[in-house]
PDB file of N, CA and C in Angstrom:
ATOM      1  N   MET A   1     -17.564 -14.616  -2.286  1.00  0.00           N
ATOM      2  CA  MET A   1     -16.189 -14.202  -2.073  1.00  0.00           C
ATOM      3  C   MET A   1     -16.170 -13.011  -1.122  1.00  0.00           C
ATOM      4  N   LYS A   2     -15.245 -13.014  -0.209  1.00  0.00           N
ATOM      5  CA  LYS A   2     -15.122 -11.950   0.779  1.00  0.00           C
ATOM      6  C   LYS A   2     -14.397 -10.756   0.188  1.00  0.00           C
ATOM      7  N   ARG A   3     -14.547  -9.653   0.807  1.00  0.00           N
ATOM      8  CA  ARG A   3     -13.957  -8.415   0.322  1.00  0.00           C
ATOM      9  C   ARG A   3     -12.457  -8.375   0.585  1.00  0.00           C
ATOM     10  N   VAL A   4     -11.709  -8.084  -0.459  1.00  0.00           N
ATOM     11  CA  VAL A   4     -10.257  -7.925  -0.369  1.00  0.00           C
ATOM     12  C   VAL A   4      -9.948  -6.498  -0.812  1.00  0.00           C
ATOM     13  N   ILE A   5      -9.178  -5.801   0.000  1.00  0.00           N
ATOM     14  CA  ILE A   5      -8.791  -4.429  -0.327  1.00  0.00           C
ATOM     15  C   ILE A   5      -7.275  -4.356  -0.424  1.00  0.00           C
ATOM     16  N   VAL A   6      -6.797  -3.713  -1.475  1.00  0.00           N
ATOM     17  CA  VAL A   6      -5.370  -3.454  -1.638  1.00  0.00           C
ATOM     18  C   VAL A   6      -5.182  -1.949  -1.497  1.00  0.00           C
ATOM     19  N   TYR A   7      -4.463  -1.556  -0.453  1.00  0.00           N
ATOM     20  CA  TYR A   7      -4.091  -0.155  -0.283  1.00  0.00           C
ATOM     21  C   TYR A   7      -2.782   0.043  -1.034  1.00  0.00           C
ATOM     22  N   SER A   8      -2.774   0.997  -1.957  1.00  0.00           N
ATOM     23  CA  SER A   8      -1.610   1.189  -2.817  1.00  0.00           C
ATOM     24  C   SER A   8      -1.263   2.663  -2.925  1.00  0.00           C
ATOM     25  N   ALA A   9      -0.209   2.935  -3.670  1.00  0.00           N
ATOM     26  CA  ALA A   9       0.222   4.296  -3.965  1.00  0.00           C
ATOM     27  C   ALA A   9       0.875   4.290  -5.342  1.00  0.00           C
ATOM     28  N   ASP A  10       1.050   5.465  -5.912  1.00  0.00           N
ATOM     29  CA  ASP A  10       1.711   5.602  -7.214  1.00  0.00           C
ATOM     30  C   ASP A  10       3.010   6.364  -7.030  1.00  0.00           C
ATOM     31  N   PRO A  11       4.075   6.019  -7.662  1.00  0.00           N
ATOM     32  CA  PRO A  11       4.330   4.731  -8.297  1.00  0.00           C
ATOM     33  C   PRO A  11       4.711   3.701  -7.236  1.00  0.00           C
ATOM     34  N   CYS A  12       4.393   2.456  -7.485  1.00  0.00           N
ATOM     35  CA  CYS A  12       4.687   1.408  -6.509  1.00  0.00           C
ATOM     36  C   CYS A  12       4.741   0.061  -7.221  1.00  0.00           C
ATOM     37  N   ALA A  13       5.940  -0.414  -7.507  1.00  0.00           N
ATOM     38  CA  ALA A  13       6.110  -1.689  -8.200  1.00  0.00           C
ATOM     39  C   ALA A  13       5.574  -2.847  -7.359  1.00  0.00           C
ATOM     40  N   ARG A  14       5.773  -2.793  -6.046  1.00  0.00           N
ATOM     41  CA  ARG A  14       5.296  -3.868  -5.169  1.00  0.00           C
ATOM     42  C   ARG A  14       3.768  -3.923  -5.160  1.00  0.00           C
ATOM     43  N   CYS A  15       3.135  -2.768  -5.287  1.00  0.00           N
ATOM     44  CA  CYS A  15       1.669  -2.726  -5.354  1.00  0.00           C
ATOM     45  C   CYS A  15       1.190  -3.438  -6.622  1.00  0.00           C
ATOM     46  N   GLY A  16       1.864  -3.169  -7.730  1.00  0.00           N
ATOM     47  CA  GLY A  16       1.520  -3.831  -8.993  1.00  0.00           C
ATOM     48  C   GLY A  16       1.690  -5.329  -8.906  1.00  0.00           C
ATOM     49  N   LYS A  17       2.747  -5.780  -8.241  1.00  0.00           N
ATOM     50  CA  LYS A  17       2.974  -7.216  -8.077  1.00  0.00           C
ATOM     51  C   LYS A  17       1.882  -7.851  -7.226  1.00  0.00           C
ATOM     52  N   ALA A  18       1.463  -7.164  -6.174  1.00  0.00           N
ATOM     53  CA  ALA A  18       0.416  -7.694  -5.307  1.00  0.00           C
ATOM     54  C   ALA A  18      -0.906  -7.825  -6.072  1.00  0.00           C
ATOM     55  N   LYS A  19      -1.250  -6.796  -6.844  1.00  0.00           N
ATOM     56  CA  LYS A  19      -2.488  -6.844  -7.618  1.00  0.00           C
ATOM     57  C   LYS A  19      -2.429  -7.942  -8.672  1.00  0.00           C
ATOM     58  N   ALA A  20      -1.284  -8.103  -9.324  1.00  0.00           N
ATOM     59  CA  ALA A  20      -1.131  -9.159 -10.329  1.00  0.00           C
ATOM     60  C   ALA A  20      -1.251 -10.539  -9.695  1.00  0.00           C
ATOM     61  N   LEU A  21      -0.702 -10.712  -8.505  1.00  0.00           N
ATOM     62  CA  LEU A  21      -0.800 -12.000  -7.804  1.00  0.00           C
ATOM     63  C   LEU A  21      -2.258 -12.324  -7.491  1.00  0.00           C
ATOM     64  N   LEU A  22      -3.002 -11.349  -7.010  1.00  0.00           N
ATOM     65  CA  LEU A  22      -4.419 -11.582  -6.724  1.00  0.00           C
ATOM     66  C   LEU A  22      -5.185 -11.923  -7.999  1.00  0.00           C
ATOM     67  N   GLU A  23      -4.942 -11.178  -9.070  1.00  0.00           N
ATOM     68  CA  GLU A  23      -5.608 -11.447 -10.344  1.00  0.00           C
ATOM     69  C   GLU A  23      -5.264 -12.837 -10.861  1.00  0.00           C
ATOM     70  N   ARG A  24      -3.999 -13.217 -10.760  1.00  0.00           N
ATOM     71  CA  ARG A  24      -3.545 -14.534 -11.212  1.00  0.00           C
ATOM     72  C   ARG A  24      -4.265 -15.660 -10.468  1.00  0.00           C
ATOM     73  N   ASN A  25      -4.630 -15.395  -9.217  1.00  0.00           N
ATOM     74  CA  ASN A  25      -5.319 -16.391  -8.401  1.00  0.00           C
ATOM     75  C   ASN A  25      -6.838 -16.246  -8.464  1.00  0.00           C
ATOM     76  N   GLY A  26      -7.330 -15.374  -9.336  1.00  0.00           N
ATOM     77  CA  GLY A  26      -8.763 -15.200  -9.508  1.00  0.00           C
ATOM     78  C   GLY A  26      -9.455 -14.569  -8.311  1.00  0.00           C
ATOM     79  N   ILE A  27      -8.734 -13.761  -7.560  1.00  0.00           N
ATOM     80  CA  ILE A  27      -9.283 -13.131  -6.358  1.00  0.00           C
ATOM     81  C   ILE A  27      -9.661 -11.687  -6.684  1.00  0.00           C
ATOM     82  N   ALA A  28     -10.950 -11.406  -6.585  1.00  0.00           N
ATOM     83  CA  ALA A  28     -11.437 -10.051  -6.831  1.00  0.00           C
ATOM     84  C   ALA A  28     -11.020  -9.153  -5.674  1.00  0.00           C
ATOM     85  N   PHE A  29     -10.685  -7.931  -5.990  1.00  0.00           N
ATOM     86  CA  PHE A  29     -10.273  -6.990  -4.950  1.00  0.00           C
ATOM     87  C   PHE A  29     -10.675  -5.580  -5.343  1.00  0.00           C
ATOM     88  N   SER A  30     -10.751  -4.731  -4.345  1.00  0.00           N
ATOM     89  CA  SER A  30     -10.908  -3.311  -4.613  1.00  0.00           C
ATOM     90  C   SER A  30      -9.605  -2.639  -4.201  1.00  0.00           C
ATOM     91  N   GLU A  31      -9.320  -1.542  -4.864  1.00  0.00           N
ATOM     92  CA  GLU A  31      -8.067  -0.834  -4.601  1.00  0.00           C
ATOM     93  C   GLU A  31      -8.367   0.537  -4.024  1.00  0.00           C
ATOM     94  N   VAL A  32      -7.630   0.887  -3.000  1.00  0.00           N
ATOM     95  CA  VAL A  32      -7.667   2.238  -2.458  1.00  0.00           C
ATOM     96  C   VAL A  32      -6.285   2.821  -2.740  1.00  0.00           C
ATOM     97  N   ASN A  33      -6.222   3.644  -3.767  1.00  0.00           N
ATOM     98  CA  ASN A  33      -4.958   4.262  -4.166  1.00  0.00           C
ATOM     99  C   ASN A  33      -4.794   5.534  -3.351  1.00  0.00           C
ATOM    100  N   LEU A  34      -3.881   5.505  -2.411  1.00  0.00           N
ATOM    101  CA  LEU A  34      -3.724   6.615  -1.493  1.00  0.00           C
ATOM    102  C   LEU A  34      -3.065   7.832  -2.125  1.00  0.00           C
ATOM    103  N   SER A  35      -2.544   7.679  -3.328  1.00  0.00           N
ATOM    104  CA  SER A  35      -2.043   8.831  -4.065  1.00  0.00           C
ATOM    105  C   SER A  35      -3.219   9.666  -4.564  1.00  0.00           C
ATOM    106  N   LYS A  36      -4.371   9.008  -4.741  1.00  0.00           N
ATOM    107  CA  LYS A  36      -5.564   9.669  -5.265  1.00  0.00           C
ATOM    108  C   LYS A  36      -6.655   9.821  -4.214  1.00  0.00           C
ATOM    109  N   ASP A  37      -6.499   9.163  -3.071  1.00  0.00           N
ATOM    110  CA  ASP A  37      -7.520   9.168  -2.022  1.00  0.00           C
ATOM    111  C   ASP A  37      -6.870   9.433  -0.664  1.00  0.00           C
ATOM    112  N   PRO A  38      -6.549  10.685  -0.378  1.00  0.00           N
ATOM    113  CA  PRO A  38      -5.854  10.986   0.877  1.00  0.00           C
ATOM    114  C   PRO A  38      -6.656  10.609   2.121  1.00  0.00           C
ATOM    115  N   ASP A  39      -7.980  10.594   2.038  1.00  0.00           N
ATOM    116  CA  ASP A  39      -8.793  10.187   3.187  1.00  0.00           C
ATOM    117  C   ASP A  39      -8.584   8.712   3.511  1.00  0.00           C
ATOM    118  N   GLY A  40      -8.150   7.941   2.519  1.00  0.00           N
ATOM    119  CA  GLY A  40      -7.897   6.520   2.730  1.00  0.00           C
ATOM    120  C   GLY A  40      -6.722   6.269   3.659  1.00  0.00           C
ATOM    121  N   ARG A  41      -5.834   7.235   3.813  1.00  0.00           N
ATOM    122  CA  ARG A  41      -4.677   7.065   4.702  1.00  0.00           C
ATOM    123  C   ARG A  41      -5.119   6.836   6.140  1.00  0.00           C
ATOM    124  N   ALA A  42      -6.091   7.596   6.593  1.00  0.00           N
ATOM    125  CA  ALA A  42      -6.609   7.415   7.957  1.00  0.00           C
ATOM    126  C   ALA A  42      -7.262   6.046   8.089  1.00  0.00           C
ATOM    127  N   GLU A  43      -7.969   5.622   7.057  1.00  0.00           N
ATOM    128  CA  GLU A  43      -8.598   4.302   7.046  1.00  0.00           C
ATOM    129  C   GLU A  43      -7.538   3.208   7.130  1.00  0.00           C
ATOM    130  N   LEU A  44      -6.445   3.365   6.384  1.00  0.00           N
ATOM    131  CA  LEU A  44      -5.364   2.381   6.395  1.00  0.00           C
ATOM    132  C   LEU A  44      -4.731   2.272   7.772  1.00  0.00           C
ATOM    133  N   VAL A  45      -4.401   3.404   8.372  1.00  0.00           N
ATOM    134  CA  VAL A  45      -3.774   3.397   9.693  1.00  0.00           C
ATOM    135  C   VAL A  45      -4.718   2.791  10.726  1.00  0.00           C
ATOM    136  N   LYS A  46      -5.993   3.118  10.639  1.00  0.00           N
ATOM    137  CA  LYS A  46      -6.984   2.563  11.567  1.00  0.00           C
ATOM    138  C   LYS A  46      -7.069   1.044  11.432  1.00  0.00           C
ATOM    139  N   CYS A  47      -7.015   0.556  10.206  1.00  0.00           N
ATOM    140  CA  CYS A  47      -7.167  -0.874   9.945  1.00  0.00           C
ATOM    141  C   CYS A  47      -5.900  -1.668  10.221  1.00  0.00           C
ATOM    142  N   THR A  48      -4.745  -1.120   9.816  1.00  0.00           N
ATOM    143  CA  THR A  48      -3.504  -1.898   9.882  1.00  0.00           C
ATOM    144  C   THR A  48      -2.470  -1.339  10.844  1.00  0.00           C
ATOM    145  N   GLY A  49      -2.571  -0.069  11.161  1.00  0.00           N
ATOM    146  CA  GLY A  49      -1.560   0.569  11.987  1.00  0.00           C
ATOM    147  C   GLY A  49      -0.297   0.899  11.201  1.00  0.00           C
ATOM    148  N   LEU A  50      -0.321   0.699   9.898  1.00  0.00           N
ATOM    149  CA  LEU A  50       0.865   0.881   9.057  1.00  0.00           C
ATOM    150  C   LEU A  50       0.606   1.887   7.947  1.00  0.00           C
ATOM    151  N   MET A  51       1.691   2.394   7.385  1.00  0.00           N
ATOM    152  CA  MET A  51       1.611   3.308   6.246  1.00  0.00           C
ATOM    153  C   MET A  51       2.521   2.843   5.110  1.00  0.00           C
ATOM    154  N   THR A  52       2.870   1.569   5.075  1.00  0.00           N
ATOM    155  CA  THR A  52       3.692   1.045   3.991  1.00  0.00           C
ATOM    156  C   THR A  52       2.789   0.441   2.928  1.00  0.00           C
ATOM    157  N   PHE A  53       3.309   0.356   1.719  1.00  0.00           N
ATOM    158  CA  PHE A  53       2.507  -0.117   0.588  1.00  0.00           C
ATOM    159  C   PHE A  53       3.158  -1.305  -0.080  1.00  0.00           C
ATOM    160  N   PRO A  54       2.377  -2.216  -0.606  1.00  0.00           N
ATOM    161  CA  PRO A  54       0.931  -2.299  -0.448  1.00  0.00           C
ATOM    162  C   PRO A  54       0.558  -2.889   0.903  1.00  0.00           C
ATOM    163  N   GLN A  55      -0.673  -2.704   1.289  1.00  0.00           N
ATOM    164  CA  GLN A  55      -1.248  -3.387   2.437  1.00  0.00           C
ATOM    165  C   GLN A  55      -2.489  -4.103   1.931  1.00  0.00           C
ATOM    166  N   ILE A  56      -2.599  -5.382   2.268  1.00  0.00           N
ATOM    167  CA  ILE A  56      -3.727  -6.188   1.820  1.00  0.00           C
ATOM    168  C   ILE A  56      -4.590  -6.517   3.035  1.00  0.00           C
ATOM    169  N   VAL A  57      -5.874  -6.222   2.906  1.00  0.00           N
ATOM    170  CA  VAL A  57      -6.832  -6.495   3.967  1.00  0.00           C
ATOM    171  C   VAL A  57      -7.873  -7.452   3.402  1.00  0.00           C
ATOM    172  N   ILE A  58      -8.087  -8.556   4.114  1.00  0.00           N
ATOM    173  CA  ILE A  58      -9.076  -9.558   3.709  1.00  0.00           C
ATOM    174  C   ILE A  58     -10.161  -9.577   4.773  1.00  0.00           C
ATOM    175  N   GLY A  59     -11.350  -9.163   4.385  1.00  0.00           N
ATOM    176  CA  GLY A  59     -12.425  -9.041   5.361  1.00  0.00           C
ATOM    177  C   GLY A  59     -12.048  -7.992   6.384  1.00  0.00           C
ATOM    178  N   ASP A  60     -12.036  -8.377   7.658  1.00  0.00           N
ATOM    179  CA  ASP A  60     -11.654  -7.465   8.734  1.00  0.00           C
ATOM    180  C   ASP A  60     -10.211  -7.660   9.165  1.00  0.00           C
ATOM    181  N   ARG A  61      -9.481  -8.521   8.453  1.00  0.00           N
ATOM    182  CA  ARG A  61      -8.137  -8.900   8.883  1.00  0.00           C
ATOM    183  C   ARG A  61      -7.069  -8.338   7.953  1.00  0.00           C
ATOM    184  N   ALA A  62      -6.093  -7.661   8.531  1.00  0.00           N
ATOM    185  CA  ALA A  62      -4.960  -7.168   7.754  1.00  0.00           C
ATOM    186  C   ALA A  62      -3.998  -8.326   7.518  1.00  0.00           C
ATOM    187  N   LEU A  63      -3.791  -8.685   6.245  1.00  0.00           N
ATOM    188  CA  LEU A  63      -2.849  -9.753   5.913  1.00  0.00           C
ATOM    189  C   LEU A  63      -1.420  -9.240   5.999  1.00  0.00           C
ATOM    190  N   GLY A  64      -1.187  -8.034   5.498  1.00  0.00           N
ATOM    191  CA  GLY A  64       0.156  -7.465   5.478  1.00  0.00           C
ATOM    192  C   GLY A  64       0.493  -6.969   4.094  1.00  0.00           C
ATOM    193  N   GLY A  65       1.771  -6.997   3.769  1.00  0.00           N
ATOM    194  CA  GLY A  65       2.249  -6.485   2.499  1.00  0.00           C
ATOM    195  C   GLY A  65       2.472  -7.570   1.458  1.00  0.00           C
ATOM    196  N   LEU A  66       3.255  -7.228   0.447  1.00  0.00           N
ATOM    197  CA  LEU A  66       3.516  -8.145  -0.663  1.00  0.00           C
ATOM    198  C   LEU A  66       4.160  -9.434  -0.190  1.00  0.00           C
ATOM    199  N   ALA A  67       5.140  -9.360   0.690  1.00  0.00           N
ATOM    200  CA  ALA A  67       5.828 -10.570   1.163  1.00  0.00           C
ATOM    201  C   ALA A  67       4.849 -11.514   1.862  1.00  0.00           C
ATOM    202  N   ASP A  68       3.922 -10.959   2.639  1.00  0.00           N
ATOM    203  CA  ASP A  68       2.930 -11.782   3.326  1.00  0.00           C
ATOM    204  C   ASP A  68       1.976 -12.435   2.322  1.00  0.00           C
ATOM    205  N   LEU A  69       1.611 -11.684   1.297  1.00  0.00           N
ATOM    206  CA  LEU A  69       0.730 -12.213   0.257  1.00  0.00           C
ATOM    207  C   LEU A  69       1.432 -13.320  -0.524  1.00  0.00           C
ATOM    208  N   GLU A  70       2.698 -13.099  -0.875  1.00  0.00           N
ATOM    209  CA  GLU A  70       3.459 -14.121  -1.604  1.00  0.00           C
ATOM    210  C   GLU A  70       3.630 -15.380  -0.753  1.00  0.00           C
ATOM    211  N   GLU A  71       3.860 -15.204   0.531  1.00  0.00           N
ATOM    212  CA  GLU A  71       4.006 -16.349   1.428  1.00  0.00           C
ATOM    213  C   GLU A  71       2.700 -17.149   1.502  1.00  0.00           C
ATOM    214  N   ALA A  72       1.578 -16.461   1.618  1.00  0.00           N
ATOM    215  CA  ALA A  72       0.284 -17.138   1.672  1.00  0.00           C
ATOM    216  C   ALA A  72       0.030 -17.905   0.380  1.00  0.00           C
ATOM    217  N   GLU A  73       0.410 -17.315  -0.760  1.00  0.00           N
ATOM    218  CA  GLU A  73       0.243 -18.008  -2.044  1.00  0.00           C
ATOM    219  C   GLU A  73       1.135 -19.247  -2.097  1.00  0.00           C
ATOM    220  N   ALA A  74       2.394 -19.113  -1.703  1.00  0.00           N
ATOM    221  CA  ALA A  74       3.343 -20.226  -1.751  1.00  0.00           C
ATOM    222  C   ALA A  74       2.904 -21.381  -0.854  1.00  0.00           C
ATOM    223  N   GLN A  75       2.269 -21.047   0.251  1.00  0.00           N
ATOM    224  CA  GLN A  75       1.808 -22.071   1.187  1.00  0.00           C
ATOM    225  C   GLN A  75       0.417 -22.591   0.853  1.00  0.00           C
ATOM    226  N   GLY A  76      -0.196 -22.061  -0.199  1.00  0.00           N
ATOM    227  CA  GLY A  76      -1.525 -22.497  -0.602  1.00  0.00           C
ATOM    228  C   GLY A  76      -2.626 -22.030   0.352  1.00  0.00           C
ATOM    229  N   ARG A  77      -2.375 -20.967   1.099  1.00  0.00           N
ATOM    230  CA  ARG A  77      -3.340 -20.501   2.103  1.00  0.00           C
ATOM    231  C   ARG A  77      -4.306 -19.428   1.612  1.00  0.00           C
ATOM    232  N   LEU A  78      -4.134 -18.923   0.394  1.00  0.00           N
ATOM    233  CA  LEU A  78      -5.001 -17.844  -0.062  1.00  0.00           C
ATOM    234  C   LEU A  78      -6.479 -18.239  -0.054  1.00  0.00           C
ATOM    235  N   PRO A  79      -6.860 -19.376  -0.624  1.00  0.00           N
ATOM    236  CA  PRO A  79      -8.288 -19.741  -0.592  1.00  0.00           C
ATOM    237  C   PRO A  79      -8.832 -19.848   0.840  1.00  0.00           C
ATOM    238  N   GLU A  80      -8.030 -20.370   1.729  1.00  0.00           N
ATOM    239  CA  GLU A  80      -8.425 -20.509   3.139  1.00  0.00           C
ATOM    240  C   GLU A  80      -8.628 -19.134   3.783  1.00  0.00           C
ATOM    241  N   LEU A  81      -7.713 -18.213   3.511  1.00  0.00           N
ATOM    242  CA  LEU A  81      -7.818 -16.865   4.079  1.00  0.00           C
ATOM    243  C   LEU A  81      -9.063 -16.151   3.562  1.00  0.00           C
ATOM    244  N   ILE A  82      -9.351 -16.317   2.285  1.00  0.00           N
ATOM    245  CA  ILE A  82     -10.529 -15.683   1.692  1.00  0.00           C
ATOM    246  C   ILE A  82     -11.795 -16.284   2.306  1.00  0.00           C
ATOM    247  N   ALA A  83     -11.822 -17.593   2.434  1.00  0.00           N
ATOM    248  CA  ALA A  83     -12.997 -18.274   2.984  1.00  0.00           C
ATOM    249  C   ALA A  83     -13.245 -17.928   4.443  1.00  0.00           C
ATOM    250  N   ALA A  84     -12.168 -17.706   5.203  1.00  0.00           N
ATOM    251  CA  ALA A  84     -12.295 -17.446   6.632  1.00  0.00           C
ATOM    252  C   ALA A  84     -12.634 -16.002   6.952  1.00  0.00           C
ATOM    253  N   ALA A  85     -12.527 -15.132   5.960  1.00  0.00           N
ATOM    254  CA  ALA A  85     -12.740 -13.699   6.226  1.00  0.00           C
ATOM    255  C   ALA A  85     -14.202 -13.391   6.509  1.00  0.00           C
TER     256      ALA A  85
END
């Protein structure tokens, strides 16, 4: 399985939904909580160019936020995205 990173912040309901969606699909992920890891902000901007939460990165590719993750799930593309990373 490829590395999936969820950049999040506290409090963030959308971040919780994104993590629950990944868990529901059996996708392991690591979380970078930017409320607790300020150095991660520079990493997030470097990787995605964005500062909105959540941001999901699969391998070297920024997927986007919760809406992008939900769309990939609805279209059945999550396994493909994980495999291609």
